[in-house]
Amino acid sequence: MTIQRKSIGLCIVLSIVTCGIYSLYWLYCMAEDVNLVTARPSAPSGGLVLLLTIREPKLALENQALEKKHPEWNLAKDDGSGGEVLPGPVKKSLIFLLASIALWYVGYNGVTTWFSTYVSQVMGEGIGGTNTCLMVATVGAIVSYIPIGIVASRVGRRRTIMAGAALLASCFMAGFLLTRHSHAITPLMYAAFALVGLAWAAINVNSLPMVVEMCRGGDVGKFTGYYYTASMLAQVITPVAAGSLMKSISYQILFPYAAFFVMLSFLTMCFVRHGDSKAEAKKGLAAFEDMDD
C-alpha cells in the first residue's frame, strides 16, 4: 500500500466548505499514514490520548460555575426569547477584530509563501538563505511568546497587537529596502526577520484570546471558528493575490504588499474596544480583597 500525495490547499478549502468536518478526516488520514510508515497499522493516534485524558464535561461544569460567579464577564445580552446576542458595540469590535486577523494573515503569509521566489528573482540568492531567514523569524517568535504574554498582561492585548502590527509593517518595509539593491542576504536582513518573529508573536499570542473574550464559555468553539475562518480564508487568498501581483507588476512588490495589509490591520484594530485583558491596578485595602479566595 502506498501513501497518496495530499494537497494542503485543497484541505484548507474543503475544511472551510464543510465547516471543519473535512479537517477531521485529514487528521485521520495523517495518523493512518504515520502508522503505515512506521509499520504499526494498529497503533493509537494522539486523538485517542486527548479523548482519554481531557475531561470535557467536568471542565464545562467548572466553567459554568465560574461564569455564574462572575456575570460581569459575559458581554452578551438576553434577546428576549431565552437566547443571547452580542450588543452592537461588542459585535462591531468583533467584526473589526476578525477583519484585522484576516488582514495581517494576508500580509504575513504573502511573504512566507513567496519569499523563496522573491529572493531567487530579485536577489539571485539560493534557497538556503531563504530558509535561514524564515527559520530566524520562527525562532524569534518562539523565544518571544512567553515575554509577550507577560507584556500583554500588563499593557493590554490590544496595545500589544497594535505595537506588533506596526513593528511587522516596518520590518516588511525594511526588508524591501534591504533587498532592493542587494544580491546577498546580510546580517541586517537576519535581524529584520528576527524582529518579524517578535512582531508576529505579539500579534498571534493575543488575537485568539481577544476573540473568545467576547463570548461566554459555551460559545468558545463558535468564536474560535470565527477566528480560524478569518485566518484560513486569508491564507487561501493571499498566495493567489500576491503571486498575481508579483507576476503582473514586479516581484519587488511583495514586501510593500505585505506592509500595506499589515498597516490596514493596524487601522482596523483602532476600532476594537472589547476583548482586552488589561486589569485595573487595585490600591490600598482593595489590593487584599482577593487573598481569601
Protein backbone atom coordinates (compact mmCIF):
# COMPACT_ATOMS: atom_id res chain seq x y z
CA MET A 1 0.00 0.00 0.00
CA THR A 2 1.38 3.43 -0.96
CA ILE A 3 0.78 6.82 0.61
CA GLN A 4 -1.19 9.16 -1.61
CA ARG A 5 0.03 12.70 -2.20
CA LYS A 6 -2.13 15.24 -0.34
CA SER A 7 -2.80 18.89 -1.14
CA ILE A 8 -2.72 21.28 1.82
CA GLY A 9 -4.53 23.95 -0.18
CA LEU A 10 -7.33 21.52 -1.05
CA CYS A 11 -7.56 20.53 2.62
CA ILE A 12 -7.99 24.16 3.66
CA VAL A 13 -10.66 24.81 1.04
CA LEU A 14 -12.63 21.63 1.82
CA SER A 15 -12.35 22.29 5.56
CA ILE A 16 -13.93 25.71 5.05
CA VAL A 17 -16.65 24.34 2.76
CA THR A 18 -17.52 21.53 5.19
CA CYS A 19 -17.29 23.76 8.29
CA GLY A 20 -14.29 21.86 9.63
CA ILE A 21 -15.57 18.31 9.08
CA TYR A 22 -13.02 17.54 6.37
CA SER A 23 -10.17 18.58 8.70
CA LEU A 24 -11.12 15.67 11.00
CA TYR A 25 -10.84 13.27 8.05
CA TRP A 26 -7.49 14.88 7.16
CA LEU A 27 -6.16 14.20 10.68
CA TYR A 28 -7.37 10.60 10.47
CA CYS A 29 -5.56 10.12 7.14
CA MET A 30 -2.36 11.64 8.51
CA ALA A 31 -2.45 9.30 11.53
CA GLU A 32 -3.02 6.30 9.24
CA ASP A 33 -0.10 7.35 7.02
CA VAL A 34 2.21 7.59 10.05
CA ASN A 35 1.12 4.13 11.16
CA LEU A 36 1.81 2.82 7.66
CA VAL A 37 5.31 4.33 7.50
CA THR A 38 6.23 3.01 10.96
CA ALA A 39 4.78 -0.45 10.16
CA ARG A 40 2.37 -0.20 13.11
CA PRO A 41 -1.08 -0.32 11.49
CA SER A 42 -2.99 -0.67 14.77
CA ALA A 43 -1.11 1.96 16.80
CA PRO A 44 -3.33 4.56 18.53
CA SER A 45 -3.16 8.18 17.49
CA GLY A 46 -2.77 11.34 19.55
CA GLY A 47 -6.52 11.86 19.28
CA LEU A 48 -7.10 8.82 21.49
CA VAL A 49 -4.82 10.35 24.13
CA LEU A 50 -6.90 13.54 24.09
CA LEU A 51 -10.13 11.55 24.32
CA LEU A 52 -8.95 9.63 27.38
CA THR A 53 -7.23 12.44 29.28
CA ILE A 54 -9.38 15.57 28.78
CA ARG A 55 -12.48 15.52 30.99
CA GLU A 56 -14.59 17.92 28.96
CA PRO A 57 -17.92 17.56 30.87
CA LYS A 58 -16.18 18.25 34.18
CA LEU A 59 -14.33 21.25 32.77
CA ALA A 60 -17.55 22.58 31.24
CA LEU A 61 -19.34 22.41 34.61
CA GLU A 62 -16.45 24.17 36.34
CA ASN A 63 -16.51 26.89 33.68
CA GLN A 64 -20.27 27.37 34.06
CA ALA A 65 -19.89 27.74 37.83
CA LEU A 66 -17.14 30.30 37.33
CA GLU A 67 -19.27 32.30 34.88
CA LYS A 68 -22.17 32.36 37.34
CA LYS A 69 -19.79 33.71 39.96
CA HIS A 70 -18.67 36.48 37.58
CA PRO A 71 -21.68 37.54 35.47
CA GLU A 72 -19.87 40.73 34.51
CA TRP A 73 -17.59 38.65 32.26
CA ASN A 74 -20.46 37.84 29.89
CA LEU A 75 -20.74 40.61 27.29
CA ALA A 76 -23.85 39.07 25.67
CA LYS A 77 -27.38 40.20 26.49
CA ASP A 78 -30.74 38.42 26.57
CA ASP A 79 -32.54 38.75 23.25
CA GLY A 80 -35.97 38.34 24.86
CA SER A 81 -36.54 34.78 23.65
CA GLY A 82 -34.20 32.96 26.01
CA GLY A 83 -31.15 33.34 23.77
CA GLU A 84 -28.19 35.67 23.95
CA VAL A 85 -26.86 38.19 21.44
CA LEU A 86 -23.86 40.45 21.40
CA PRO A 87 -24.62 44.15 21.94
CA GLY A 88 -23.95 46.41 18.98
CA PRO A 89 -20.63 47.83 20.25
CA VAL A 90 -19.27 44.35 21.06
CA LYS A 91 -20.36 43.00 17.67
CA LYS A 92 -18.64 45.94 16.00
CA SER A 93 -15.42 45.17 17.89
CA LEU A 94 -15.66 41.51 16.86
CA ILE A 95 -16.12 42.40 13.18
CA PHE A 96 -13.15 44.77 13.18
CA LEU A 97 -11.03 42.24 15.06
CA LEU A 98 -11.82 39.49 12.55
CA ALA A 99 -11.03 41.91 9.72
CA SER A 100 -7.69 42.67 11.39
CA ILE A 101 -6.92 38.96 11.71
CA ALA A 102 -7.60 38.41 8.01
CA LEU A 103 -5.52 41.42 7.00
CA TRP A 104 -2.38 40.59 8.96
CA TYR A 105 -2.53 36.98 7.74
CA VAL A 106 -2.78 38.28 4.17
CA GLY A 107 0.41 40.26 4.72
CA TYR A 108 2.42 37.74 6.72
CA ASN A 109 1.55 34.63 4.71
CA GLY A 110 2.12 36.51 1.48
CA VAL A 111 5.77 36.86 2.49
CA THR A 112 6.20 33.33 3.86
CA THR A 113 4.62 31.85 0.72
CA TRP A 114 6.56 33.80 -1.91
CA PHE A 115 9.80 34.75 -0.16
CA SER A 116 11.84 31.98 -1.79
CA THR A 117 10.65 33.06 -5.24
CA TYR A 118 11.28 36.71 -4.34
CA VAL A 119 14.86 36.03 -3.23
CA SER A 120 15.55 33.99 -6.35
CA GLN A 121 14.10 36.53 -8.80
CA VAL A 122 15.14 39.79 -7.14
CA MET A 123 18.41 38.89 -5.44
CA GLY A 124 19.60 35.81 -7.30
CA GLU A 125 20.13 34.10 -3.95
CA GLY A 126 19.71 30.37 -3.39
CA ILE A 127 17.08 28.68 -1.26
CA GLY A 128 19.50 28.20 1.65
CA GLY A 129 19.42 31.87 2.61
CA THR A 130 15.64 31.91 2.29
CA ASN A 131 15.21 29.03 4.71
CA THR A 132 17.60 30.62 7.16
CA CYS A 133 15.65 33.88 7.19
CA LEU A 134 12.36 32.10 7.78
CA MET A 135 13.97 29.95 10.47
CA VAL A 136 15.27 33.08 12.20
CA ALA A 137 11.74 34.51 12.16
CA THR A 138 10.36 31.28 13.65
CA VAL A 139 12.98 31.22 16.40
CA GLY A 140 12.35 34.90 17.10
CA ALA A 141 8.65 34.13 17.56
CA ILE A 142 9.27 31.12 19.81
CA VAL A 143 11.56 32.95 22.23
CA SER A 144 9.10 35.87 22.33
CA TYR A 145 5.87 34.05 23.14
CA ILE A 146 6.21 33.99 26.94
CA PRO A 147 7.66 37.53 27.31
CA ILE A 148 4.92 38.85 25.01
CA GLY A 149 2.28 37.19 27.18
CA ILE A 150 3.72 38.91 30.25
CA VAL A 151 3.80 42.27 28.49
CA ALA A 152 0.20 41.87 27.28
CA SER A 153 -0.99 41.15 30.82
CA ARG A 154 0.47 44.49 31.89
CA VAL A 155 -0.31 46.84 28.99
CA GLY A 156 -3.25 45.02 27.41
CA ARG A 157 -3.73 42.73 24.43
CA ARG A 158 -4.93 45.44 22.07
CA ARG A 159 -1.92 47.69 22.59
CA THR A 160 0.43 44.72 22.27
CA ILE A 161 -1.18 43.65 18.99
CA MET A 162 -1.07 47.18 17.58
CA ALA A 163 2.59 47.52 18.53
CA GLY A 164 3.26 44.17 16.86
CA ALA A 165 1.42 45.23 13.70
CA ALA A 166 3.36 48.49 13.50
CA LEU A 167 6.64 46.64 14.00
CA LEU A 168 5.72 43.96 11.44
CA ALA A 169 4.84 46.54 8.78
CA SER A 170 8.10 48.40 9.50
CA CYS A 171 10.11 45.19 9.19
CA PHE A 172 8.49 44.38 5.84
CA MET A 173 9.36 47.83 4.52
CA ALA A 174 12.89 47.39 5.86
CA GLY A 175 13.02 44.05 4.02
CA PHE A 176 12.03 45.84 0.81
CA LEU A 177 14.80 48.43 1.23
CA LEU A 178 17.44 45.89 2.26
CA THR A 179 16.78 43.55 -0.67
CA ARG A 180 16.12 46.07 -3.41
CA HIS A 181 19.73 46.51 -4.49
CA SER A 182 21.39 43.62 -2.66
CA HIS A 183 22.47 40.32 -4.17
CA ALA A 184 23.15 38.54 -0.89
CA ILE A 185 21.32 38.11 2.40
CA THR A 186 23.05 40.26 5.00
CA PRO A 187 23.11 40.21 8.83
CA LEU A 188 20.72 43.17 8.79
CA MET A 189 18.18 41.02 6.99
CA TYR A 190 18.51 38.31 9.63
CA ALA A 191 17.96 40.96 12.30
CA ALA A 192 14.87 42.20 10.45
CA PHE A 193 13.43 38.69 10.29
CA ALA A 194 14.12 38.16 13.99
CA LEU A 195 12.01 41.26 14.62
CA VAL A 196 9.37 39.85 12.26
CA GLY A 197 9.18 36.85 14.58
CA LEU A 198 8.85 39.11 17.61
CA ALA A 199 6.11 41.15 15.94
CA TRP A 200 4.22 38.04 14.81
CA ALA A 201 4.36 36.66 18.36
CA ALA A 202 2.90 39.92 19.72
CA ILE A 203 0.01 39.58 17.27
CA ASN A 204 -0.53 35.83 17.35
CA VAL A 205 -0.45 35.29 21.12
CA ASN A 206 -3.17 37.83 21.77
CA SER A 207 -5.57 37.66 18.82
CA LEU A 208 -7.45 34.43 19.59
CA PRO A 209 -7.86 35.29 23.32
CA MET A 210 -9.36 38.64 22.29
CA VAL A 211 -11.92 36.87 20.10
CA VAL A 212 -13.04 34.35 22.73
CA GLU A 213 -13.02 37.03 25.44
CA MET A 214 -16.13 38.46 23.79
CA CYS A 215 -18.22 35.30 24.36
CA ARG A 216 -19.38 33.13 27.21
CA GLY A 217 -17.74 29.76 27.82
CA GLY A 218 -20.38 27.80 25.93
CA ASP A 219 -19.66 29.75 22.74
CA VAL A 220 -15.87 29.41 22.75
CA GLY A 221 -16.00 26.80 19.98
CA LYS A 222 -18.15 29.02 17.75
CA PHE A 223 -15.97 32.08 18.26
CA THR A 224 -12.83 30.01 17.71
CA GLY A 225 -14.42 29.03 14.42
CA TYR A 226 -14.82 32.72 13.55
CA TYR A 227 -11.09 33.21 14.20
CA TYR A 228 -9.97 30.29 12.03
CA THR A 229 -12.41 31.16 9.26
CA ALA A 230 -10.91 34.65 9.02
CA SER A 231 -7.30 33.45 9.23
CA MET A 232 -7.63 30.48 6.87
CA LEU A 233 -9.63 32.43 4.32
CA ALA A 234 -6.78 34.94 4.21
CA GLN A 235 -4.24 32.14 3.85
CA VAL A 236 -6.15 30.77 0.88
CA ILE A 237 -6.50 34.15 -0.85
CA THR A 238 -3.06 35.70 -0.30
CA PRO A 239 -0.89 33.23 -2.27
CA VAL A 240 -3.03 33.84 -5.34
CA ALA A 241 -3.32 37.61 -4.84
CA ALA A 242 0.36 38.19 -4.05
CA GLY A 243 1.54 35.84 -6.79
CA SER A 244 -0.63 37.54 -9.40
CA LEU A 245 0.66 40.99 -8.43
CA MET A 246 4.28 39.83 -8.48
CA LYS A 247 3.92 38.37 -11.96
CA SER A 248 1.88 41.21 -13.46
CA ILE A 249 3.68 44.18 -11.86
CA SER A 250 7.03 43.26 -10.31
CA TYR A 251 8.47 40.71 -7.91
CA GLN A 252 9.63 43.62 -5.76
CA ILE A 253 6.04 44.39 -4.80
CA LEU A 254 5.96 41.53 -2.27
CA PHE A 255 7.17 43.44 0.79
CA PRO A 256 5.15 46.63 0.11
CA TYR A 257 2.11 44.39 -0.44
CA ALA A 258 2.63 42.75 2.94
CA ALA A 259 3.32 46.04 4.72
CA PHE A 260 0.17 47.60 3.23
CA PHE A 261 -2.16 44.90 4.53
CA VAL A 262 -0.50 44.78 7.94
CA MET A 263 -0.91 48.53 8.29
CA LEU A 264 -4.57 48.15 7.32
CA SER A 265 -4.89 45.68 10.20
CA PHE A 266 -3.38 48.32 12.50
CA LEU A 267 -6.07 50.77 11.40
CA THR A 268 -8.92 48.29 11.88
CA MET A 269 -7.58 47.43 15.35
CA CYS A 270 -8.12 51.08 16.30
CA PHE A 271 -11.87 50.37 16.24
CA VAL A 272 -11.69 47.32 18.54
CA ARG A 273 -12.89 48.26 22.02
CA HIS A 274 -13.58 44.86 23.62
CA GLY A 275 -11.72 41.65 24.38
CA ASP A 276 -8.79 43.29 26.14
CA SER A 277 -7.11 41.95 29.26
CA LYS A 278 -5.63 44.95 30.99
CA ALA A 279 -6.64 44.84 34.65
CA GLU A 280 -7.02 47.94 36.72
CA ALA A 281 -4.45 48.18 39.49
CA LYS A 282 -6.04 48.00 42.93
CA LYS A 283 -4.95 50.38 45.62
CA GLY A 284 -4.96 50.32 49.40
CA LEU A 285 -7.07 47.67 51.14
CA ALA A 286 -8.73 46.73 47.84
CA ALA A 287 -5.49 45.04 46.83
CA PHE A 288 -6.04 42.41 49.55
CA GLU A 289 -9.67 41.56 48.70
CA ASP A 290 -8.82 38.51 46.58
CA MET A 291 -6.45 36.94 49.07
CA ASP A 292 -9.22 34.94 50.80
CA ASP A 293 -10.32 33.15 47.58
